[in-house]
Amino acid sequence: MQADSGKSYDDINVTPMVDLYLVLLLIFIIMTTAGVQGTKVNLPKASSASKMDAPKSQAITVNNEGKVFLNTVPVSLEELEQKLAAIKAKTPEFPVVVRGDSQTQYQMIMNVLDVLGRSGITQIGLATQAPK
């Protein structure tokens, strides 16, 4: 039996070093996510008059018969324009969602969009259904 005393080790085992780096990375991730939560502060009280409400969105629906509804209330195109003008007088900027039945004639949707354009409403969304 001869000992390997004359043999030199040229390879460095990096496995313990990689383990150490992974543990340090894990500690770093845990500490940074814990610090993101913020600092607790005692917020000042405000009067109820200074509350700012977010603008309530309006829904315009056109069913398959071509009837127009503003928030479930049936309206004609002229009434729609008047009611939108009244809402715009109270709240200058508010979102409107236009919903049309898939069987609705495209011209009726265009008439509603024309009324929205004449009323000066810029926040308009068209509701769709996700494909199956």
C-alpha atoms as a PDB file:
ATOM      1  CA  MET A   1       0.000   0.000   0.000  1.00  0.00           C
ATOM      2  CA  GLN A   2       1.403   3.167  -1.115  1.00  0.00           C
ATOM      3  CA  ALA A   3      -0.065   6.528  -0.023  1.00  0.00           C
ATOM      4  CA  ASP A   4      -0.932   9.173  -2.556  1.00  0.00           C
ATOM      5  CA  SER A   5       1.259  11.670  -0.828  1.00  0.00           C
ATOM      6  CA  GLY A   6       2.906  12.814  -4.021  1.00  0.00           C
ATOM      7  CA  LYS A   7      -0.360  13.445  -5.873  1.00  0.00           C
ATOM      8  CA  SER A   8      -1.535  17.081  -6.065  1.00  0.00           C
ATOM      9  CA  TYR A   9      -5.172  18.118  -6.230  1.00  0.00           C
ATOM     10  CA  ASP A  10      -5.734  20.415  -9.203  1.00  0.00           C
ATOM     11  CA  ASP A  11      -9.542  20.413  -9.013  1.00  0.00           C
ATOM     12  CA  ILE A  12     -11.464  22.673  -6.671  1.00  0.00           C
ATOM     13  CA  ASN A  13     -14.791  21.394  -5.386  1.00  0.00           C
ATOM     14  CA  VAL A  14     -17.253  24.280  -6.022  1.00  0.00           C
ATOM     15  CA  THR A  15     -20.386  22.528  -4.735  1.00  0.00           C
ATOM     16  CA  PRO A  16     -20.159  23.964  -1.187  1.00  0.00           C
ATOM     17  CA  MET A  17     -19.543  27.432  -2.667  1.00  0.00           C
ATOM     18  CA  VAL A  18     -22.647  27.180  -4.912  1.00  0.00           C
ATOM     19  CA  ASP A  19     -24.696  26.041  -1.915  1.00  0.00           C
ATOM     20  CA  LEU A  20     -23.497  29.059   0.034  1.00  0.00           C
ATOM     21  CA  TYR A  21     -24.403  31.427  -2.839  1.00  0.00           C
ATOM     22  CA  LEU A  22     -27.902  29.924  -3.125  1.00  0.00           C
ATOM     23  CA  VAL A  23     -28.492  30.321   0.623  1.00  0.00           C
ATOM     24  CA  LEU A  24     -27.311  33.942   0.461  1.00  0.00           C
ATOM     25  CA  LEU A  25     -29.584  34.581  -2.521  1.00  0.00           C
ATOM     26  CA  LEU A  26     -32.549  33.101  -0.666  1.00  0.00           C
ATOM     27  CA  ILE A  27     -31.860  35.272   2.378  1.00  0.00           C
ATOM     28  CA  PHE A  28     -31.558  38.350   0.144  1.00  0.00           C
ATOM     29  CA  ILE A  29     -34.905  37.622  -1.546  1.00  0.00           C
ATOM     30  CA  ILE A  30     -36.690  37.103   1.769  1.00  0.00           C
ATOM     31  CA  MET A  31     -35.263  40.274   3.284  1.00  0.00           C
ATOM     32  CA  THR A  32     -36.091  42.490   0.302  1.00  0.00           C
ATOM     33  CA  THR A  33     -39.697  41.305   0.036  1.00  0.00           C
ATOM     34  CA  ALA A  34     -40.188  41.823   3.776  1.00  0.00           C
ATOM     35  CA  GLY A  35     -38.960  45.420   3.480  1.00  0.00           C
ATOM     36  CA  VAL A  36     -41.292  46.328   0.589  1.00  0.00           C
ATOM     37  CA  GLN A  37     -44.440  46.217   2.712  1.00  0.00           C
ATOM     38  CA  GLY A  38     -43.934  49.762   3.909  1.00  0.00           C
ATOM     39  CA  THR A  39     -43.945  51.590   7.180  1.00  0.00           C
ATOM     40  CA  LYS A  40     -47.027  51.928   9.312  1.00  0.00           C
ATOM     41  CA  VAL A  41     -48.096  55.505   9.901  1.00  0.00           C
ATOM     42  CA  ASN A  42     -50.989  57.107  11.713  1.00  0.00           C
ATOM     43  CA  LEU A  43     -52.940  58.808   8.907  1.00  0.00           C
ATOM     44  CA  PRO A  44     -54.713  62.117   9.529  1.00  0.00           C
ATOM     45  CA  LYS A  45     -58.510  62.264   9.547  1.00  0.00           C
ATOM     46  CA  ALA A  46     -60.447  64.150   6.877  1.00  0.00           C
ATOM     47  CA  SER A  47     -63.948  65.508   6.869  1.00  0.00           C
ATOM     48  CA  SER A  48     -66.554  63.616   4.897  1.00  0.00           C
ATOM     49  CA  ALA A  49     -66.986  66.633   2.594  1.00  0.00           C
ATOM     50  CA  SER A  50     -63.453  66.229   1.239  1.00  0.00           C
ATOM     51  CA  LYS A  51     -63.967  62.669   0.017  1.00  0.00           C
ATOM     52  CA  MET A  52     -63.364  62.281  -3.691  1.00  0.00           C
ATOM     53  CA  ASP A  53     -65.464  59.637  -5.334  1.00  0.00           C
ATOM     54  CA  ALA A  54     -64.202  57.875  -8.412  1.00  0.00           C
ATOM     55  CA  PRO A  55     -66.320  58.581 -11.467  1.00  0.00           C
ATOM     56  CA  LYS A  56     -69.048  56.010 -11.845  1.00  0.00           C
ATOM     57  CA  SER A  57     -68.993  54.332 -15.208  1.00  0.00           C
ATOM     58  CA  GLN A  58     -72.093  54.342 -17.358  1.00  0.00           C
ATOM     59  CA  ALA A  59     -73.223  51.293 -19.314  1.00  0.00           C
ATOM     60  CA  ILE A  60     -74.974  51.646 -22.651  1.00  0.00           C
ATOM     61  CA  THR A  61     -76.495  48.417 -23.953  1.00  0.00           C
ATOM     62  CA  VAL A  62     -77.971  47.741 -27.382  1.00  0.00           C
ATOM     63  CA  ASN A  63     -80.010  44.533 -27.486  1.00  0.00           C
ATOM     64  CA  ASN A  64     -80.703  42.345 -30.514  1.00  0.00           C
ATOM     65  CA  GLU A  65     -83.925  44.270 -31.269  1.00  0.00           C
ATOM     66  CA  GLY A  66     -81.990  47.554 -31.558  1.00  0.00           C
ATOM     67  CA  LYS A  67     -83.297  49.050 -28.294  1.00  0.00           C
ATOM     68  CA  VAL A  68     -80.847  51.229 -26.361  1.00  0.00           C
ATOM     69  CA  PHE A  69     -80.505  51.092 -22.561  1.00  0.00           C
ATOM     70  CA  LEU A  70     -78.618  53.463 -20.292  1.00  0.00           C
ATOM     71  CA  ASN A  71     -77.863  51.559 -17.076  1.00  0.00           C
ATOM     72  CA  THR A  72     -80.853  49.211 -17.627  1.00  0.00           C
ATOM     73  CA  VAL A  73     -83.239  52.125 -18.416  1.00  0.00           C
ATOM     74  CA  PRO A  74     -84.590  52.080 -21.986  1.00  0.00           C
ATOM     75  CA  VAL A  75     -83.916  55.345 -23.842  1.00  0.00           C
ATOM     76  CA  SER A  76     -84.087  56.694 -27.360  1.00  0.00           C
ATOM     77  CA  LEU A  77     -80.971  58.161 -28.981  1.00  0.00           C
ATOM     78  CA  GLU A  78     -82.205  61.711 -28.272  1.00  0.00           C
ATOM     79  CA  GLU A  79     -82.868  60.867 -24.599  1.00  0.00           C
ATOM     80  CA  LEU A  80     -79.471  59.193 -24.412  1.00  0.00           C
ATOM     81  CA  GLU A  81     -77.778  62.370 -25.612  1.00  0.00           C
ATOM     82  CA  GLN A  82     -79.719  64.504 -23.103  1.00  0.00           C
ATOM     83  CA  LYS A  83     -78.974  62.183 -20.167  1.00  0.00           C
ATOM     84  CA  LEU A  84     -75.293  61.974 -21.066  1.00  0.00           C
ATOM     85  CA  ALA A  85     -75.139  65.777 -21.254  1.00  0.00           C
ATOM     86  CA  ALA A  86     -76.690  65.984 -17.779  1.00  0.00           C
ATOM     87  CA  ILE A  87     -74.193  63.470 -16.397  1.00  0.00           C
ATOM     88  CA  LYS A  88     -71.314  65.294 -18.095  1.00  0.00           C
ATOM     89  CA  ALA A  89     -72.429  68.566 -16.483  1.00  0.00           C
ATOM     90  CA  LYS A  90     -71.993  66.955 -13.043  1.00  0.00           C
ATOM     91  CA  THR A  91     -68.886  64.919 -13.859  1.00  0.00           C
ATOM     92  CA  PRO A  92     -66.836  66.158 -16.832  1.00  0.00           C
ATOM     93  CA  GLU A  93     -64.851  62.912 -17.225  1.00  0.00           C
ATOM     94  CA  PHE A  94     -66.498  59.530 -16.758  1.00  0.00           C
ATOM     95  CA  PRO A  95     -66.033  56.174 -18.479  1.00  0.00           C
ATOM     96  CA  VAL A  96     -68.710  54.669 -20.692  1.00  0.00           C
ATOM     97  CA  VAL A  97     -68.949  50.990 -21.623  1.00  0.00           C
ATOM     98  CA  VAL A  98     -70.902  50.136 -24.777  1.00  0.00           C
ATOM     99  CA  ARG A  99     -72.340  46.638 -24.868  1.00  0.00           C
ATOM    100  CA  GLY A 100     -73.982  45.291 -27.987  1.00  0.00           C
ATOM    101  CA  ASP A 101     -75.657  41.962 -28.621  1.00  0.00           C
ATOM    102  CA  SER A 102     -73.869  39.844 -31.213  1.00  0.00           C
ATOM    103  CA  GLN A 103     -77.041  39.912 -33.354  1.00  0.00           C
ATOM    104  CA  THR A 104     -77.341  43.719 -33.216  1.00  0.00           C
ATOM    105  CA  GLN A 105     -77.007  45.607 -36.474  1.00  0.00           C
ATOM    106  CA  TYR A 106     -73.713  47.438 -36.595  1.00  0.00           C
ATOM    107  CA  GLN A 107     -75.412  50.703 -37.578  1.00  0.00           C
ATOM    108  CA  MET A 108     -77.134  50.954 -34.190  1.00  0.00           C
ATOM    109  CA  ILE A 109     -73.787  50.649 -32.381  1.00  0.00           C
ATOM    110  CA  MET A 110     -72.400  53.347 -34.680  1.00  0.00           C
ATOM    111  CA  ASN A 111     -75.376  55.595 -33.836  1.00  0.00           C
ATOM    112  CA  VAL A 112     -74.592  55.196 -30.126  1.00  0.00           C
ATOM    113  CA  LEU A 113     -70.894  55.934 -30.734  1.00  0.00           C
ATOM    114  CA  ASP A 114     -71.924  59.011 -32.729  1.00  0.00           C
ATOM    115  CA  VAL A 115     -74.006  60.253 -29.773  1.00  0.00           C
ATOM    116  CA  LEU A 116     -71.014  59.686 -27.471  1.00  0.00           C
ATOM    117  CA  GLY A 117     -68.787  61.649 -29.837  1.00  0.00           C
ATOM    118  CA  ARG A 118     -71.219  64.575 -30.023  1.00  0.00           C
ATOM    119  CA  SER A 119     -71.443  64.568 -26.206  1.00  0.00           C
ATOM    120  CA  GLY A 120     -67.663  64.936 -25.936  1.00  0.00           C
ATOM    121  CA  ILE A 121     -67.133  61.684 -24.060  1.00  0.00           C
ATOM    122  CA  THR A 122     -63.611  60.357 -24.581  1.00  0.00           C
ATOM    123  CA  GLN A 123     -63.414  57.409 -22.192  1.00  0.00           C
ATOM    124  CA  ILE A 124     -65.276  54.767 -24.182  1.00  0.00           C
ATOM    125  CA  GLY A 125     -64.917  51.011 -23.880  1.00  0.00           C
ATOM    126  CA  LEU A 126     -66.489  48.279 -25.983  1.00  0.00           C
ATOM    127  CA  ALA A 127     -67.446  45.161 -24.030  1.00  0.00           C
ATOM    128  CA  THR A 128     -66.682  41.798 -25.596  1.00  0.00           C
ATOM    129  CA  GLN A 129     -66.796  38.214 -24.492  1.00  0.00           C
ATOM    130  CA  ALA A 130     -63.685  36.046 -24.424  1.00  0.00           C
ATOM    131  CA  PRO A 131     -63.631  33.287 -27.056  1.00  0.00           C
ATOM    132  CA  LYS A 132     -64.243  29.781 -25.802  1.00  0.00           C
END
